[in-house]
Protein backbone atom coordinates (compact mmCIF):
# COMPACT_ATOMS: atom_id res chain seq x y z
CA UNK A 1 -22.05 11.93 -39.94
CA UNK A 2 -19.60 14.43 -41.37
CA UNK A 3 -16.48 13.31 -43.18
CA UNK A 4 -14.11 14.86 -40.60
CA UNK A 5 -15.89 13.16 -37.68
CA UNK A 6 -15.78 9.83 -39.52
CA UNK A 7 -12.01 10.24 -40.10
CA UNK A 8 -11.47 11.13 -36.45
CA UNK A 9 -13.36 8.02 -35.34
CA UNK A 10 -11.37 5.82 -37.71
CA UNK A 11 -8.08 7.30 -36.44
CA UNK A 12 -9.18 6.79 -32.84
CA UNK A 13 -10.13 3.18 -33.57
CA UNK A 14 -6.84 2.45 -35.37
CA UNK A 15 -4.74 4.03 -32.63
CA UNK A 16 -6.59 1.94 -30.05
CA UNK A 17 -5.83 -1.21 -32.02
CA UNK A 18 -2.15 -0.36 -32.34
CA UNK A 19 -1.65 0.63 -28.70
CA UNK A 20 -3.77 -2.29 -27.48
CA UNK A 21 -1.40 -4.77 -29.14
CA UNK A 22 1.82 -3.19 -27.89
CA UNK A 23 3.38 -3.31 -24.46
CA UNK A 24 4.27 -5.91 -21.89
CA UNK A 25 3.70 -9.60 -22.27
CA UNK A 26 3.67 -12.04 -19.35
CA UNK A 27 6.45 -14.03 -21.04
CA UNK A 28 8.73 -10.99 -20.64
CA UNK A 29 8.88 -11.87 -16.91
CA UNK A 30 9.82 -15.54 -17.40
CA UNK A 31 13.02 -15.44 -15.31
CA UNK A 32 12.13 -12.72 -12.81
CA UNK A 33 12.14 -13.22 -9.06
CA UNK A 34 10.70 -13.51 -6.57
CA UNK A 35 8.40 -15.86 -8.46
CA UNK A 36 4.68 -15.55 -7.77
CA UNK A 37 2.99 -18.78 -6.68
CA UNK A 38 -0.65 -17.72 -7.04
CA UNK A 39 -2.13 -20.67 -5.15
CA UNK A 40 0.29 -20.39 -2.25
CA UNK A 41 0.07 -16.61 -1.96
CA UNK A 42 -3.72 -16.44 -1.94
CA UNK A 43 -4.39 -19.48 0.28
CA UNK A 44 -5.33 -18.10 3.68
CA UNK A 45 -5.96 -14.48 4.65
CA UNK A 46 -4.71 -11.65 2.44
CA UNK A 47 -5.39 -7.92 2.86
CA UNK A 48 -5.16 -5.28 0.13
CA UNK A 49 -5.28 -1.50 0.06
CA UNK A 50 -6.28 0.26 -3.13
CA UNK A 51 -7.25 3.38 -5.03
CA UNK A 52 -9.19 4.09 -8.21
CA UNK A 53 -7.92 6.97 -10.36
CA UNK A 54 -9.94 8.39 -13.23
CA UNK A 55 -8.40 8.99 -16.67
CA UNK A 56 -6.98 12.36 -15.57
CA UNK A 57 -5.23 10.77 -12.58
CA UNK A 58 -7.56 12.11 -9.88
CA UNK A 59 -8.21 9.69 -7.03
CA UNK A 60 -11.94 8.91 -6.99
CA UNK A 61 -12.13 6.04 -4.50
CA UNK A 62 -10.06 4.41 -1.79
CA UNK A 63 -10.75 0.97 -0.38
CA UNK A 64 -9.48 -2.07 1.49
CA UNK A 65 -10.10 -5.70 0.57
CA UNK A 66 -10.03 -8.68 2.89
CA UNK A 67 -9.53 -11.90 0.95
CA UNK A 68 -10.01 -15.45 2.13
CA UNK A 69 -8.47 -17.94 -0.28
CA UNK A 70 -8.89 -21.72 -0.22
CA UNK A 71 -8.83 -24.77 -2.46
CA UNK A 72 -12.10 -26.35 -3.62
CA UNK A 73 -11.19 -29.34 -5.75
CA UNK A 74 -9.12 -28.02 -8.65
CA UNK A 75 -10.19 -24.42 -8.05
CA UNK A 76 -8.66 -21.65 -6.00
CA UNK A 77 -11.56 -19.73 -4.47
CA UNK A 78 -11.02 -16.09 -3.49
CA UNK A 79 -13.71 -14.49 -1.34
CA UNK A 80 -13.06 -10.75 -1.63
CA UNK A 81 -14.80 -8.34 0.77
CA UNK A 82 -14.40 -4.68 -0.22
CA UNK A 83 -14.88 -1.71 2.14
CA UNK A 84 -14.74 1.74 0.51
CA UNK A 85 -13.77 4.96 2.28
CA UNK A 86 -17.38 6.22 1.91
CA UNK A 87 -18.69 3.16 3.79
CA UNK A 88 -19.96 1.20 0.79
CA UNK A 89 -19.28 -2.53 0.90
CA UNK A 90 -19.25 -5.16 -1.82
CA UNK A 91 -18.21 -8.74 -2.37
CA UNK A 92 -16.77 -10.73 -5.26
CA UNK A 93 -16.02 -14.45 -5.24
CA UNK A 94 -13.50 -15.64 -7.82
CA UNK A 95 -13.02 -19.27 -8.86
CA UNK A 96 -9.62 -19.66 -10.53
CA UNK A 97 -8.70 -22.84 -12.38
CA UNK A 98 -5.14 -23.59 -13.40
CA UNK A 99 -5.17 -24.82 -17.00
CA UNK A 100 -1.45 -25.59 -17.34
CA UNK A 101 1.88 -24.36 -15.99
CA UNK A 102 1.26 -20.76 -17.06
CA UNK A 103 -2.46 -20.33 -17.81
CA UNK A 104 -5.53 -19.78 -15.66
CA UNK A 105 -9.24 -19.26 -16.16
CA UNK A 106 -11.35 -17.28 -13.72
CA UNK A 107 -15.04 -16.84 -13.11
CA UNK A 108 -17.04 -14.53 -10.86
CA UNK A 109 -20.71 -13.55 -10.78
CA UNK A 110 -20.03 -10.00 -11.99
CA UNK A 111 -17.59 -11.05 -14.74
CA UNK A 112 -18.91 -11.44 -18.27
CA UNK A 113 -17.60 -14.71 -19.66
CA UNK A 114 -14.28 -16.21 -18.64
CA UNK A 115 -11.28 -14.29 -17.35
CA UNK A 116 -7.93 -15.35 -18.81
CA UNK A 117 -4.72 -15.28 -16.78
CA UNK A 118 -1.08 -15.87 -17.67
CA UNK A 119 1.66 -16.32 -15.04
CA UNK A 120 5.43 -16.12 -15.63
CA UNK A 121 8.05 -15.46 -12.95
CA UNK A 122 6.92 -12.62 -10.73
CA UNK A 123 4.11 -11.42 -13.04
CA UNK A 124 0.47 -12.42 -13.50
CA UNK A 125 -1.64 -10.81 -16.23
CA UNK A 126 -5.41 -11.23 -15.86
CA UNK A 127 -7.85 -9.97 -18.51
CA UNK A 128 -11.60 -9.90 -18.08
CA UNK A 129 -14.79 -7.94 -18.63
CA UNK A 130 -16.43 -6.72 -15.43
CA UNK A 131 -20.14 -5.93 -15.24
CA UNK A 132 -20.01 -2.63 -13.36
CA UNK A 133 -23.15 -0.96 -12.03
CA UNK A 134 -23.11 2.76 -12.82
CA UNK A 135 -26.30 4.45 -11.67
CA UNK A 136 -29.24 2.57 -13.18
CA UNK A 137 -27.10 0.97 -15.90
CA UNK A 138 -24.60 -1.88 -16.07
CA UNK A 139 -21.42 -1.19 -18.02
CA UNK A 140 -19.17 -3.85 -19.53
CA UNK A 141 -15.68 -2.63 -18.59
CA UNK A 142 -12.53 -4.37 -19.83
CA UNK A 143 -9.77 -4.90 -17.27
CA UNK A 144 -6.11 -5.49 -18.07
CA UNK A 145 -4.87 -6.50 -14.65
CA UNK A 146 -1.16 -6.94 -13.82
CA UNK A 147 0.18 -8.33 -10.53
CA UNK A 148 3.86 -8.26 -9.60
CA UNK A 149 5.40 -10.20 -6.71
CA UNK A 150 7.78 -8.02 -4.73
CA UNK A 151 10.20 -8.65 -1.90
CA UNK A 152 8.90 -9.15 1.63
CA UNK A 153 5.61 -10.72 0.51
CA UNK A 154 4.14 -7.58 -1.04
CA UNK A 155 2.13 -8.07 -4.23
CA UNK A 156 1.56 -4.96 -6.37
CA UNK A 157 -1.48 -4.86 -8.66
CA UNK A 158 -2.20 -2.34 -11.40
CA UNK A 159 -5.30 -2.63 -13.56
CA UNK A 160 -6.29 -0.47 -16.48
CA UNK A 161 -10.00 -0.10 -17.18
CA UNK A 162 -11.34 0.51 -20.71
CA UNK A 163 -14.71 0.76 -22.41
CA UNK A 164 -14.96 0.84 -26.21
CA UNK A 165 -11.14 1.04 -26.22
CA UNK A 166 -11.20 4.30 -24.26
CA UNK A 167 -9.23 4.41 -21.01
CA UNK A 168 -11.56 5.07 -18.08
CA UNK A 169 -9.03 4.90 -15.30
CA UNK A 170 -6.72 2.74 -13.27
CA UNK A 171 -6.92 0.67 -10.09
CA UNK A 172 -3.80 0.23 -7.94
CA UNK A 173 -3.62 -2.27 -5.08
CA UNK A 174 -1.00 -3.46 -2.63
CA UNK A 175 -1.52 -6.95 -1.16
CA UNK A 176 -0.02 -8.38 2.00
CA UNK A 177 -0.49 -11.97 3.11
CA UNK A 178 -1.57 -12.19 6.75
CA UNK A 179 0.63 -14.21 9.11
CA UNK A 180 -0.62 -17.76 9.44
CA UNK A 181 -1.04 -19.37 12.87
CA UNK A 182 1.06 -22.50 13.24
């Protein structure tokens, strides 16, 4: 490998480390309102509308998600059914466990290891590695997922996707809790 390519790779790696450590922290939202109650919001039926944008900002996919959330012992289970604009369908089932007042762990079949979540005020930050099928291969893609509770029951979600520290794109979702029959 040439000396200039080696230097470029080192600079890229160092810039990724620096930018990866900067930015928002969940604690920054400690006193914000409306506060997000994760268990309450996701218990019952929730619908979401989303897009995936590649690193240049072009929209590559649009989708809806129907979510059924319920308690199973200490876990909050989220059954997510995705329908993409091209007709493809997929499913993910999350099991979220509250560790303490602000921390969660999450598991799903297509998540490598344990997802870590932190909740303060209106913000929830969820970090995990998704096993994403791309053609004949499975990629390990890192997600930095932020959810923000908004007025009128709207939850806004923005997730950045990275592989080897390189930004692949961004997922944006808007959630709305379905009215519950009384």
